[in-house]
Amino acid sequence: MTPGWSIGGGDAHFRWIHIDGRESEATAALDEAALDLPPTARVNLVAMETRPRCQSMGEGVLINLRGLRLDPEDEGDALVSIRMWAERGRVVSVCFRQMAGLDELRARMEQGAFSDPGDLIAALALQISHRLDPVVADLGDQVDECELSLSGDTPHLRRHIARARSAAIGYRRFIVPQRQALEAMAQLPQDWLEDEDRIHLREAADRFARMSEELEAVRERSALLHEQITDLRAEKIDRRSLIVAIVALIFLPLTFVTGLFGMNVDGIPYAHHPASFWVVTGFSLFVGLAVGLAFVAARWFRV
């Protein structure tokens, strides 16, 4: 019993055999003589680390694609892999994690919406792009909101930007080779790939190209925002340091005067004069005001 499903296409012209790689019988199912898979295809279908690619092998095609995971809380990459071996009359696919939209594609397959492997793969590529496009657009919106909040006091702005940039890098890692894989498949000479299938594959590739450009823009804008935030923080620190320095310079001569007249030694002039306190106080105020006016003239207060 194959751990997954096996359904026929329109008028039973081809079958889609999907294997759940999480089941222990997955590898054994691929080795069954009934599937009659090329050895290279079997090895690639169960490979643990994959990236989107397309490779022609005789009359068949090995293609790996990445789509959004079904469970957002699932660990690992946000884009999960589906490995497919396609040939005339059959598609064999393997997933080790649940991909969003496969059940919908399965329902369309059962309704006879696809007549050949090219229809199925093109529909899968378009479906992945439809589901992924709003996610990429949302990353751009997040960066837009961060740009609008840049002048305000937003303590968590750096964290939001870092998350958006990290997500953009993670998505772009697979979207760029996915576009290349679909473009390569659209150019294959397989006779079971119809002209309409090639058009749909190129359309999906164009969508992934646009998403990769958007993700690159998100990454660059996030890096620029991070630099701007760093510059703003440095500028704030410089302004506050300058204010502290100005205050310290104003009180430095006053500290000397009060320290000089505060010495507990004999011989201080006018130590017992009744107006000595007010004279020293007035002198200190005069010195402080004079130093402050000097800083104003030098425009030090324009921070």
C-alpha atoms as a PDB file:
ATOM      1  CA  MET A   1       0.000   0.000   0.000  1.00  0.00           C
ATOM      2  CA  THR A   2       1.549   3.316  -1.088  1.00  0.00           C
ATOM      3  CA  PRO A   3       1.727   5.849   1.798  1.00  0.00           C
ATOM      4  CA  GLY A   4      -0.106   8.677   0.014  1.00  0.00           C
ATOM      5  CA  TRP A   5      -2.546   8.585  -2.867  1.00  0.00           C
ATOM      6  CA  SER A   6      -2.803   7.491  -6.464  1.00  0.00           C
ATOM      7  CA  ILE A   7      -5.417   9.080  -8.698  1.00  0.00           C
ATOM      8  CA  GLY A   8      -6.068   9.167 -12.419  1.00  0.00           C
ATOM      9  CA  GLY A   9      -6.268  12.253 -14.590  1.00  0.00           C
ATOM     10  CA  GLY A  10      -8.826  13.206 -17.193  1.00  0.00           C
ATOM     11  CA  ASP A  11     -10.124  10.058 -18.916  1.00  0.00           C
ATOM     12  CA  ALA A  12      -7.340   8.162 -17.098  1.00  0.00           C
ATOM     13  CA  HIS A  13      -4.701   9.458 -19.557  1.00  0.00           C
ATOM     14  CA  PHE A  14      -2.195   9.609 -16.729  1.00  0.00           C
ATOM     15  CA  ARG A  15      -1.897   9.008 -13.018  1.00  0.00           C
ATOM     16  CA  TRP A  16      -0.578  11.090 -10.142  1.00  0.00           C
ATOM     17  CA  ILE A  17       1.094   8.998  -7.466  1.00  0.00           C
ATOM     18  CA  HIS A  18       1.863  11.059  -4.390  1.00  0.00           C
ATOM     19  CA  ILE A  19       3.950   9.600  -1.542  1.00  0.00           C
ATOM     20  CA  ASP A  20       4.050  10.983   1.989  1.00  0.00           C
ATOM     21  CA  GLY A  21       7.754  10.941   2.851  1.00  0.00           C
ATOM     22  CA  ARG A  22       6.993  11.104   6.581  1.00  0.00           C
ATOM     23  CA  GLU A  23       5.745   7.515   6.479  1.00  0.00           C
ATOM     24  CA  SER A  24       8.274   4.780   7.097  1.00  0.00           C
ATOM     25  CA  GLU A  25       7.120   2.927   3.968  1.00  0.00           C
ATOM     26  CA  ALA A  26       7.928   5.847   1.666  1.00  0.00           C
ATOM     27  CA  THR A  27      11.369   4.662   0.551  1.00  0.00           C
ATOM     28  CA  ALA A  28      10.145   1.093   0.184  1.00  0.00           C
ATOM     29  CA  ALA A  29       7.249   2.297  -1.967  1.00  0.00           C
ATOM     30  CA  LEU A  30       9.645   4.018  -4.347  1.00  0.00           C
ATOM     31  CA  ASP A  31      11.669   0.811  -4.670  1.00  0.00           C
ATOM     32  CA  GLU A  32       8.637  -1.215  -5.711  1.00  0.00           C
ATOM     33  CA  ALA A  33       8.981  -2.806  -9.104  1.00  0.00           C
ATOM     34  CA  ALA A  34       5.521  -1.578 -10.051  1.00  0.00           C
ATOM     35  CA  LEU A  35       6.711   2.039 -10.074  1.00  0.00           C
ATOM     36  CA  ASP A  36       9.721   1.194 -12.259  1.00  0.00           C
ATOM     37  CA  LEU A  37      11.566   4.434 -11.481  1.00  0.00           C
ATOM     38  CA  PRO A  38      15.081   5.168 -12.767  1.00  0.00           C
ATOM     39  CA  PRO A  39      17.681   4.769  -9.998  1.00  0.00           C
ATOM     40  CA  THR A  40      18.683   8.448 -10.213  1.00  0.00           C
ATOM     41  CA  ALA A  41      15.065   9.505  -9.873  1.00  0.00           C
ATOM     42  CA  ARG A  42      14.567   7.310  -6.770  1.00  0.00           C
ATOM     43  CA  VAL A  43      17.623   8.803  -5.087  1.00  0.00           C
ATOM     44  CA  ASN A  44      16.546  12.403  -5.807  1.00  0.00           C
ATOM     45  CA  LEU A  45      12.951  11.834  -4.739  1.00  0.00           C
ATOM     46  CA  VAL A  46      14.041  10.914  -1.208  1.00  0.00           C
ATOM     47  CA  ALA A  47      16.965  13.367  -0.888  1.00  0.00           C
ATOM     48  CA  MET A  48      16.837  15.247   2.419  1.00  0.00           C
ATOM     49  CA  GLU A  49      18.252  18.559   1.164  1.00  0.00           C
ATOM     50  CA  THR A  50      16.804  19.842  -2.097  1.00  0.00           C
ATOM     51  CA  ARG A  51      16.564  23.084  -3.992  1.00  0.00           C
ATOM     52  CA  PRO A  52      14.283  23.904  -6.927  1.00  0.00           C
ATOM     53  CA  ARG A  53      15.699  22.469 -10.116  1.00  0.00           C
ATOM     54  CA  CYS A  54      14.715  20.721 -13.338  1.00  0.00           C
ATOM     55  CA  GLN A  55      16.638  17.877 -14.942  1.00  0.00           C
ATOM     56  CA  SER A  56      15.690  15.943 -18.048  1.00  0.00           C
ATOM     57  CA  MET A  57      16.329  12.178 -17.992  1.00  0.00           C
ATOM     58  CA  GLY A  58      15.444  10.533 -21.256  1.00  0.00           C
ATOM     59  CA  GLU A  59      11.670  10.584 -21.667  1.00  0.00           C
ATOM     60  CA  GLY A  60      11.131  11.823 -18.118  1.00  0.00           C
ATOM     61  CA  VAL A  61      11.788  14.957 -16.105  1.00  0.00           C
ATOM     62  CA  LEU A  62      12.890  15.324 -12.513  1.00  0.00           C
ATOM     63  CA  ILE A  63      11.668  18.631 -11.072  1.00  0.00           C
ATOM     64  CA  ASN A  64      11.774  19.972  -7.516  1.00  0.00           C
ATOM     65  CA  LEU A  65       9.581  22.888  -6.461  1.00  0.00           C
ATOM     66  CA  ARG A  66       9.018  24.753  -3.201  1.00  0.00           C
ATOM     67  CA  GLY A  67       5.695  26.016  -1.816  1.00  0.00           C
ATOM     68  CA  LEU A  68       4.280  27.398   1.409  1.00  0.00           C
ATOM     69  CA  ARG A  69       3.930  24.935   4.258  1.00  0.00           C
ATOM     70  CA  LEU A  70       0.430  23.953   5.338  1.00  0.00           C
ATOM     71  CA  ASP A  71       1.055  24.574   9.041  1.00  0.00           C
ATOM     72  CA  PRO A  72       2.592  28.023   9.710  1.00  0.00           C
ATOM     73  CA  GLU A  73       3.890  26.728  13.053  1.00  0.00           C
ATOM     74  CA  ASP A  74       5.765  23.870  11.405  1.00  0.00           C
ATOM     75  CA  GLU A  75       9.513  23.917  12.037  1.00  0.00           C
ATOM     76  CA  GLY A  76      12.039  24.356   9.280  1.00  0.00           C
ATOM     77  CA  ASP A  77      11.944  26.462   6.123  1.00  0.00           C
ATOM     78  CA  ALA A  78       8.771  28.386   5.330  1.00  0.00           C
ATOM     79  CA  LEU A  79       8.847  26.855   1.837  1.00  0.00           C
ATOM     80  CA  VAL A  80       8.549  23.076   1.775  1.00  0.00           C
ATOM     81  CA  SER A  81       9.758  20.890  -1.057  1.00  0.00           C
ATOM     82  CA  ILE A  82       7.855  18.671  -3.436  1.00  0.00           C
ATOM     83  CA  ARG A  83       9.966  16.336  -5.565  1.00  0.00           C
ATOM     84  CA  MET A  84       8.407  15.066  -8.805  1.00  0.00           C
ATOM     85  CA  TRP A  85       9.237  12.566 -11.487  1.00  0.00           C
ATOM     86  CA  ALA A  86       7.137  13.228 -14.591  1.00  0.00           C
ATOM     87  CA  GLU A  87       6.880  11.168 -17.727  1.00  0.00           C
ATOM     88  CA  ARG A  88       4.195  10.357 -20.260  1.00  0.00           C
ATOM     89  CA  GLY A  89       1.201   8.940 -18.444  1.00  0.00           C
ATOM     90  CA  ARG A  90       2.513   9.386 -14.890  1.00  0.00           C
ATOM     91  CA  VAL A  91       3.687  11.797 -12.194  1.00  0.00           C
ATOM     92  CA  VAL A  92       5.313  10.498  -9.000  1.00  0.00           C
ATOM     93  CA  SER A  93       5.732  13.077  -6.237  1.00  0.00           C
ATOM     94  CA  VAL A  94       7.173  12.959  -2.711  1.00  0.00           C
ATOM     95  CA  CYS A  95       6.701  15.443   0.163  1.00  0.00           C
ATOM     96  CA  PHE A  96       8.372  15.152   3.563  1.00  0.00           C
ATOM     97  CA  ARG A  97       6.332  18.020   4.992  1.00  0.00           C
ATOM     98  CA  GLN A  98       2.777  19.097   4.240  1.00  0.00           C
ATOM     99  CA  MET A  99       2.498  21.688   1.469  1.00  0.00           C
ATOM    100  CA  ALA A 100      -0.396  24.107   1.303  1.00  0.00           C
ATOM    101  CA  GLY A 101      -2.724  23.604  -1.665  1.00  0.00           C
ATOM    102  CA  LEU A 102      -2.018  19.957  -2.459  1.00  0.00           C
ATOM    103  CA  ASP A 103      -5.489  18.881  -1.339  1.00  0.00           C
ATOM    104  CA  GLU A 104      -7.035  21.468  -3.648  1.00  0.00           C
ATOM    105  CA  LEU A 105      -4.872  20.227  -6.509  1.00  0.00           C
ATOM    106  CA  ARG A 106      -5.833  16.654  -5.701  1.00  0.00           C
ATOM    107  CA  ALA A 107      -9.542  17.571  -5.856  1.00  0.00           C
ATOM    108  CA  ARG A 108      -9.058  19.156  -9.270  1.00  0.00           C
ATOM    109  CA  MET A 109      -7.204  16.048 -10.411  1.00  0.00           C
ATOM    110  CA  GLU A 110     -10.096  13.842  -9.290  1.00  0.00           C
ATOM    111  CA  GLN A 111     -12.491  16.062 -11.245  1.00  0.00           C
ATOM    112  CA  GLY A 112     -10.478  15.447 -14.420  1.00  0.00           C
ATOM    113  CA  ALA A 113      -9.054  18.969 -14.724  1.00  0.00           C
ATOM    114  CA  PHE A 114      -5.664  17.729 -15.959  1.00  0.00           C
ATOM    115  CA  SER A 115      -5.070  15.609 -19.017  1.00  0.00           C
ATOM    116  CA  ASP A 116      -1.285  15.165 -18.903  1.00  0.00           C
ATOM    117  CA  PRO A 117       1.689  15.674 -16.534  1.00  0.00           C
ATOM    118  CA  GLY A 118       2.381  19.089 -18.046  1.00  0.00           C
ATOM    119  CA  ASP A 119      -1.058  20.323 -16.964  1.00  0.00           C
ATOM    120  CA  LEU A 120      -0.491  19.119 -13.401  1.00  0.00           C
ATOM    121  CA  ILE A 121       2.987  20.632 -12.990  1.00  0.00           C
ATOM    122  CA  ALA A 122       1.943  23.947 -14.565  1.00  0.00           C
ATOM    123  CA  ALA A 123      -1.120  24.108 -12.293  1.00  0.00           C
ATOM    124  CA  LEU A 124       1.055  23.356  -9.254  1.00  0.00           C
ATOM    125  CA  ALA A 125       3.542  26.095 -10.195  1.00  0.00           C
ATOM    126  CA  LEU A 126       0.764  28.643 -10.700  1.00  0.00           C
ATOM    127  CA  GLN A 127      -0.911  27.653  -7.446  1.00  0.00           C
ATOM    128  CA  ILE A 128       2.357  28.053  -5.519  1.00  0.00           C
ATOM    129  CA  SER A 129       2.855  31.503  -7.055  1.00  0.00           C
ATOM    130  CA  HIS A 130      -0.738  32.532  -6.206  1.00  0.00           C
ATOM    131  CA  ARG A 131      -0.285  31.558  -2.556  1.00  0.00           C
ATOM    132  CA  LEU A 132       3.197  33.036  -2.242  1.00  0.00           C
ATOM    133  CA  ASP A 133       2.498  36.378  -3.916  1.00  0.00           C
ATOM    134  CA  PRO A 134       0.481  37.878  -0.975  1.00  0.00           C
ATOM    135  CA  VAL A 135       3.185  36.780   1.463  1.00  0.00           C
ATOM    136  CA  VAL A 136       5.883  38.586  -0.518  1.00  0.00           C
ATOM    137  CA  ALA A 137       3.646  41.655  -0.884  1.00  0.00           C
ATOM    138  CA  ASP A 138       3.092  41.661   2.878  1.00  0.00           C
ATOM    139  CA  LEU A 139       6.855  41.815   3.461  1.00  0.00           C
ATOM    140  CA  GLY A 140       6.987  44.916   1.271  1.00  0.00           C
ATOM    141  CA  ASP A 141       4.117  46.449   3.263  1.00  0.00           C
ATOM    142  CA  GLN A 142       5.964  45.754   6.511  1.00  0.00           C
ATOM    143  CA  VAL A 143       9.020  47.609   5.219  1.00  0.00           C
ATOM    144  CA  ASP A 144       6.763  50.484   4.109  1.00  0.00           C
ATOM    145  CA  GLU A 145       5.321  50.742   7.630  1.00  0.00           C
ATOM    146  CA  CYS A 146       8.821  50.715   9.097  1.00  0.00           C
ATOM    147  CA  GLU A 147       9.838  53.550   6.765  1.00  0.00           C
ATOM    148  CA  LEU A 148       6.822  55.597   7.883  1.00  0.00           C
ATOM    149  CA  SER A 149       7.688  54.956  11.540  1.00  0.00           C
ATOM    150  CA  LEU A 150      11.359  55.769  11.085  1.00  0.00           C
ATOM    151  CA  SER A 151      11.082  59.335  12.428  1.00  0.00           C
ATOM    152  CA  GLY A 152       9.022  58.283  15.445  1.00  0.00           C
ATOM    153  CA  ASP A 153      10.050  56.693  18.708  1.00  0.00           C
ATOM    154  CA  THR A 154       9.656  52.993  17.865  1.00  0.00           C
ATOM    155  CA  PRO A 155      11.780  50.796  20.151  1.00  0.00           C
ATOM    156  CA  HIS A 156      10.925  47.582  18.292  1.00  0.00           C
ATOM    157  CA  LEU A 157      11.497  48.952  14.784  1.00  0.00           C
ATOM    158  CA  ARG A 158      14.881  47.270  14.407  1.00  0.00           C
ATOM    159  CA  ARG A 159      13.350  43.935  15.365  1.00  0.00           C
ATOM    160  CA  HIS A 160      10.553  44.250  12.777  1.00  0.00           C
ATOM    161  CA  ILE A 161      13.038  45.180  10.060  1.00  0.00           C
ATOM    162  CA  ALA A 162      15.313  42.272  10.964  1.00  0.00           C
ATOM    163  CA  ARG A 163      12.393  39.818  10.741  1.00  0.00           C
ATOM    164  CA  ALA A 164      11.290  41.161   7.360  1.00  0.00           C
ATOM    165  CA  ARG A 165      14.831  41.018   6.006  1.00  0.00           C
ATOM    166  CA  SER A 166      15.383  37.490   7.311  1.00  0.00           C
ATOM    167  CA  ALA A 167      12.107  36.300   5.752  1.00  0.00           C
ATOM    168  CA  ALA A 168      12.974  37.941   2.421  1.00  0.00           C
ATOM    169  CA  ILE A 169      16.367  36.232   2.346  1.00  0.00           C
ATOM    170  CA  GLY A 170      14.784  32.864   3.185  1.00  0.00           C
ATOM    171  CA  TYR A 171      12.139  33.130   0.459  1.00  0.00           C
ATOM    172  CA  ARG A 172      14.530  34.442  -2.188  1.00  0.00           C
ATOM    173  CA  ARG A 173      16.869  31.531  -1.557  1.00  0.00           C
ATOM    174  CA  PHE A 174      14.320  29.212  -3.199  1.00  0.00           C
ATOM    175  CA  ILE A 175      12.305  31.533  -5.450  1.00  0.00           C
ATOM    176  CA  VAL A 176      15.222  32.468  -7.700  1.00  0.00           C
ATOM    177  CA  PRO A 177      16.185  28.849  -8.584  1.00  0.00           C
ATOM    178  CA  GLN A 178      12.473  27.976  -8.836  1.00  0.00           C
ATOM    179  CA  ARG A 179      12.062  30.517 -11.617  1.00  0.00           C
ATOM    180  CA  GLN A 180      15.085  29.028 -13.378  1.00  0.00           C
ATOM    181  CA  ALA A 181      13.702  25.494 -13.000  1.00  0.00           C
ATOM    182  CA  LEU A 182      10.343  26.436 -14.539  1.00  0.00           C
ATOM    183  CA  GLU A 183      12.010  28.294 -17.397  1.00  0.00           C
ATOM    184  CA  ALA A 184      14.190  25.251 -18.065  1.00  0.00           C
ATOM    185  CA  MET A 185      11.188  22.923 -18.037  1.00  0.00           C
ATOM    186  CA  ALA A 186       9.270  25.143 -20.470  1.00  0.00           C
ATOM    187  CA  GLN A 187      12.100  24.644 -22.975  1.00  0.00           C
ATOM    188  CA  LEU A 188      12.325  20.845 -22.718  1.00  0.00           C
ATOM    189  CA  PRO A 189      11.546  18.883 -25.914  1.00  0.00           C
ATOM    190  CA  GLN A 190       9.276  16.320 -24.201  1.00  0.00           C
ATOM    191  CA  ASP A 191       6.310  15.567 -26.444  1.00  0.00           C
ATOM    192  CA  TRP A 192       3.909  15.366 -23.474  1.00  0.00           C
ATOM    193  CA  LEU A 193       4.498  19.067 -22.787  1.00  0.00           C
ATOM    194  CA  GLU A 194       1.922  20.955 -24.839  1.00  0.00           C
ATOM    195  CA  ASP A 195       2.245  24.565 -25.953  1.00  0.00           C
ATOM    196  CA  GLU A 196      -0.373  25.652 -23.399  1.00  0.00           C
ATOM    197  CA  ASP A 197       1.627  23.942 -20.646  1.00  0.00           C
ATOM    198  CA  ARG A 198       4.761  25.806 -21.708  1.00  0.00           C
ATOM    199  CA  ILE A 199       2.854  29.113 -21.645  1.00  0.00           C
ATOM    200  CA  HIS A 200       1.627  28.419 -18.103  1.00  0.00           C
ATOM    201  CA  LEU A 201       5.109  27.408 -16.976  1.00  0.00           C
ATOM    202  CA  ARG A 202       6.564  30.637 -18.361  1.00  0.00           C
ATOM    203  CA  GLU A 203       3.780  32.608 -16.693  1.00  0.00           C
ATOM    204  CA  ALA A 204       4.620  31.030 -13.346  1.00  0.00           C
ATOM    205  CA  ALA A 205       8.323  31.695 -13.973  1.00  0.00           C
ATOM    206  CA  ASP A 206       7.546  35.368 -14.662  1.00  0.00           C
ATOM    207  CA  ARG A 207       5.638  35.604 -11.394  1.00  0.00           C
ATOM    208  CA  PHE A 208       8.542  34.114  -9.489  1.00  0.00           C
ATOM    209  CA  ALA A 209      10.904  36.529 -11.271  1.00  0.00           C
ATOM    210  CA  ARG A 210       8.768  39.452 -10.113  1.00  0.00           C
ATOM    211  CA  MET A 211       8.666  38.059  -6.568  1.00  0.00           C
ATOM    212  CA  SER A 212      12.436  37.605  -6.519  1.00  0.00           C
ATOM    213  CA  GLU A 213      12.852  41.251  -7.561  1.00  0.00           C
ATOM    214  CA  GLU A 214      10.436  42.338  -4.825  1.00  0.00           C
ATOM    215  CA  LEU A 215      12.305  40.265  -2.253  1.00  0.00           C
ATOM    216  CA  GLU A 216      15.606  41.751  -3.359  1.00  0.00           C
ATOM    217  CA  ALA A 217      14.088  45.210  -2.964  1.00  0.00           C
ATOM    218  CA  VAL A 218      12.832  44.293   0.527  1.00  0.00           C
ATOM    219  CA  ARG A 219      16.286  43.049   1.470  1.00  0.00           C
ATOM    220  CA  GLU A 220      18.033  46.191   0.213  1.00  0.00           C
ATOM    221  CA  ARG A 221      15.471  48.541   1.756  1.00  0.00           C
ATOM    222  CA  SER A 222      15.714  46.697   5.073  1.00  0.00           C
ATOM    223  CA  ALA A 223      19.483  47.044   5.046  1.00  0.00           C
ATOM    224  CA  LEU A 224      19.154  50.765   4.253  1.00  0.00           C
ATOM    225  CA  LEU A 225      16.588  51.228   7.039  1.00  0.00           C
ATOM    226  CA  HIS A 226      18.888  49.449   9.467  1.00  0.00           C
ATOM    227  CA  GLU A 227      21.705  51.833   8.538  1.00  0.00           C
ATOM    228  CA  GLN A 228      19.396  54.847   8.912  1.00  0.00           C
ATOM    229  CA  ILE A 229      18.253  53.696  12.344  1.00  0.00           C
ATOM    230  CA  THR A 230      21.880  53.210  13.374  1.00  0.00           C
ATOM    231  CA  ASP A 231      22.704  56.708  12.122  1.00  0.00           C
ATOM    232  CA  LEU A 232      19.719  58.202  13.961  1.00  0.00           C
ATOM    233  CA  ARG A 233      20.724  56.506  17.185  1.00  0.00           C
ATOM    234  CA  ALA A 234      24.311  57.722  16.779  1.00  0.00           C
ATOM    235  CA  GLU A 235      23.021  61.237  16.074  1.00  0.00           C
ATOM    236  CA  LYS A 236      20.863  61.185  19.216  1.00  0.00           C
ATOM    237  CA  ILE A 237      23.801  59.992  21.289  1.00  0.00           C
ATOM    238  CA  ASP A 238      25.987  62.760  19.823  1.00  0.00           C
ATOM    239  CA  ARG A 239      23.380  65.420  20.639  1.00  0.00           C
ATOM    240  CA  ARG A 240      23.008  64.203  24.205  1.00  0.00           C
ATOM    241  CA  SER A 241      26.774  63.968  24.638  1.00  0.00           C
ATOM    242  CA  LEU A 242      27.139  67.536  23.386  1.00  0.00           C
ATOM    243  CA  ILE A 243      24.521  68.777  25.845  1.00  0.00           C
ATOM    244  CA  VAL A 244      26.304  67.018  28.687  1.00  0.00           C
ATOM    245  CA  ALA A 245      29.627  68.500  27.544  1.00  0.00           C
ATOM    246  CA  ILE A 246      28.138  72.032  27.390  1.00  0.00           C
ATOM    247  CA  VAL A 247      26.693  71.746  30.885  1.00  0.00           C
ATOM    248  CA  ALA A 248      30.004  70.405  32.199  1.00  0.00           C
ATOM    249  CA  LEU A 249      31.950  73.266  30.559  1.00  0.00           C
ATOM    250  CA  ILE A 250      29.587  75.853  32.030  1.00  0.00           C
ATOM    251  CA  PHE A 251      30.007  74.499  35.542  1.00  0.00           C
ATOM    252  CA  LEU A 252      33.753  73.843  35.260  1.00  0.00           C
ATOM    253  CA  PRO A 253      34.853  77.437  36.082  1.00  0.00           C
ATOM    254  CA  LEU A 254      32.111  77.667  38.700  1.00  0.00           C
ATOM    255  CA  THR A 255      33.458  74.532  40.336  1.00  0.00           C
ATOM    256  CA  PHE A 256      36.928  76.103  40.429  1.00  0.00           C
ATOM    257  CA  VAL A 257      35.600  79.308  42.030  1.00  0.00           C
ATOM    258  CA  THR A 258      33.482  77.552  44.644  1.00  0.00           C
ATOM    259  CA  GLY A 259      36.292  75.114  45.386  1.00  0.00           C
ATOM    260  CA  LEU A 260      38.790  77.938  45.771  1.00  0.00           C
ATOM    261  CA  PHE A 261      36.623  79.944  48.153  1.00  0.00           C
ATOM    262  CA  GLY A 262      35.443  76.843  49.951  1.00  0.00           C
ATOM    263  CA  MET A 263      38.905  75.930  51.242  1.00  0.00           C
ATOM    264  CA  ASN A 264      38.995  75.659  55.019  1.00  0.00           C
ATOM    265  CA  VAL A 265      42.262  77.624  55.450  1.00  0.00           C
ATOM    266  CA  ASP A 266      43.159  80.933  57.023  1.00  0.00           C
ATOM    267  CA  GLY A 267      43.783  84.012  54.940  1.00  0.00           C
ATOM    268  CA  ILE A 268      40.802  83.877  52.561  1.00  0.00           C
ATOM    269  CA  PRO A 269      39.973  87.516  51.717  1.00  0.00           C
ATOM    270  CA  TYR A 270      36.679  88.873  53.030  1.00  0.00           C
ATOM    271  CA  ALA A 271      36.013  85.634  54.861  1.00  0.00           C
ATOM    272  CA  HIS A 272      34.185  87.520  57.600  1.00  0.00           C
ATOM    273  CA  HIS A 273      32.667  90.272  55.458  1.00  0.00           C
ATOM    274  CA  PRO A 274      28.837  90.205  55.612  1.00  0.00           C
ATOM    275  CA  ALA A 275      28.458  90.587  51.797  1.00  0.00           C
ATOM    276  CA  SER A 276      31.079  87.959  50.817  1.00  0.00           C
ATOM    277  CA  PHE A 277      28.529  85.236  50.093  1.00  0.00           C
ATOM    278  CA  TRP A 278      26.507  87.422  47.729  1.00  0.00           C
ATOM    279  CA  VAL A 279      29.611  88.673  45.995  1.00  0.00           C
ATOM    280  CA  VAL A 280      30.854  85.154  45.279  1.00  0.00           C
ATOM    281  CA  THR A 281      27.359  84.073  44.222  1.00  0.00           C
ATOM    282  CA  GLY A 282      27.003  87.030  41.858  1.00  0.00           C
ATOM    283  CA  PHE A 283      30.458  86.404  40.426  1.00  0.00           C
ATOM    284  CA  SER A 284      29.585  82.740  39.809  1.00  0.00           C
ATOM    285  CA  LEU A 285      26.332  83.707  38.074  1.00  0.00           C
ATOM    286  CA  PHE A 286      28.226  86.190  35.920  1.00  0.00           C
ATOM    287  CA  VAL A 287      30.819  83.598  34.900  1.00  0.00           C
ATOM    288  CA  GLY A 288      28.130  81.005  34.129  1.00  0.00           C
ATOM    289  CA  LEU A 289      26.132  83.514  32.074  1.00  0.00           C
ATOM    290  CA  ALA A 290      29.244  84.660  30.200  1.00  0.00           C
ATOM    291  CA  VAL A 291      30.248  81.092  29.326  1.00  0.00           C
ATOM    292  CA  GLY A 292      26.658  80.288  28.258  1.00  0.00           C
ATOM    293  CA  LEU A 293      26.524  83.353  25.994  1.00  0.00           C
ATOM    294  CA  ALA A 294      29.866  82.365  24.490  1.00  0.00           C
ATOM    295  CA  PHE A 295      28.446  78.945  23.612  1.00  0.00           C
ATOM    296  CA  VAL A 296      25.333  80.556  22.134  1.00  0.00           C
ATOM    297  CA  ALA A 297      27.507  82.809  19.971  1.00  0.00           C
ATOM    298  CA  ALA A 298      29.448  79.742  18.843  1.00  0.00           C
ATOM    299  CA  ARG A 299      26.109  78.008  18.038  1.00  0.00           C
ATOM    300  CA  TRP A 300      26.879  75.046  20.248  1.00  0.00           C
ATOM    301  CA  PHE A 301      23.297  74.941  21.450  1.00  0.00           C
ATOM    302  CA  ARG A 302      21.994  74.272  17.941  1.00  0.00           C
ATOM    303  CA  VAL A 303      22.126  70.489  18.330  1.00  0.00           C
END
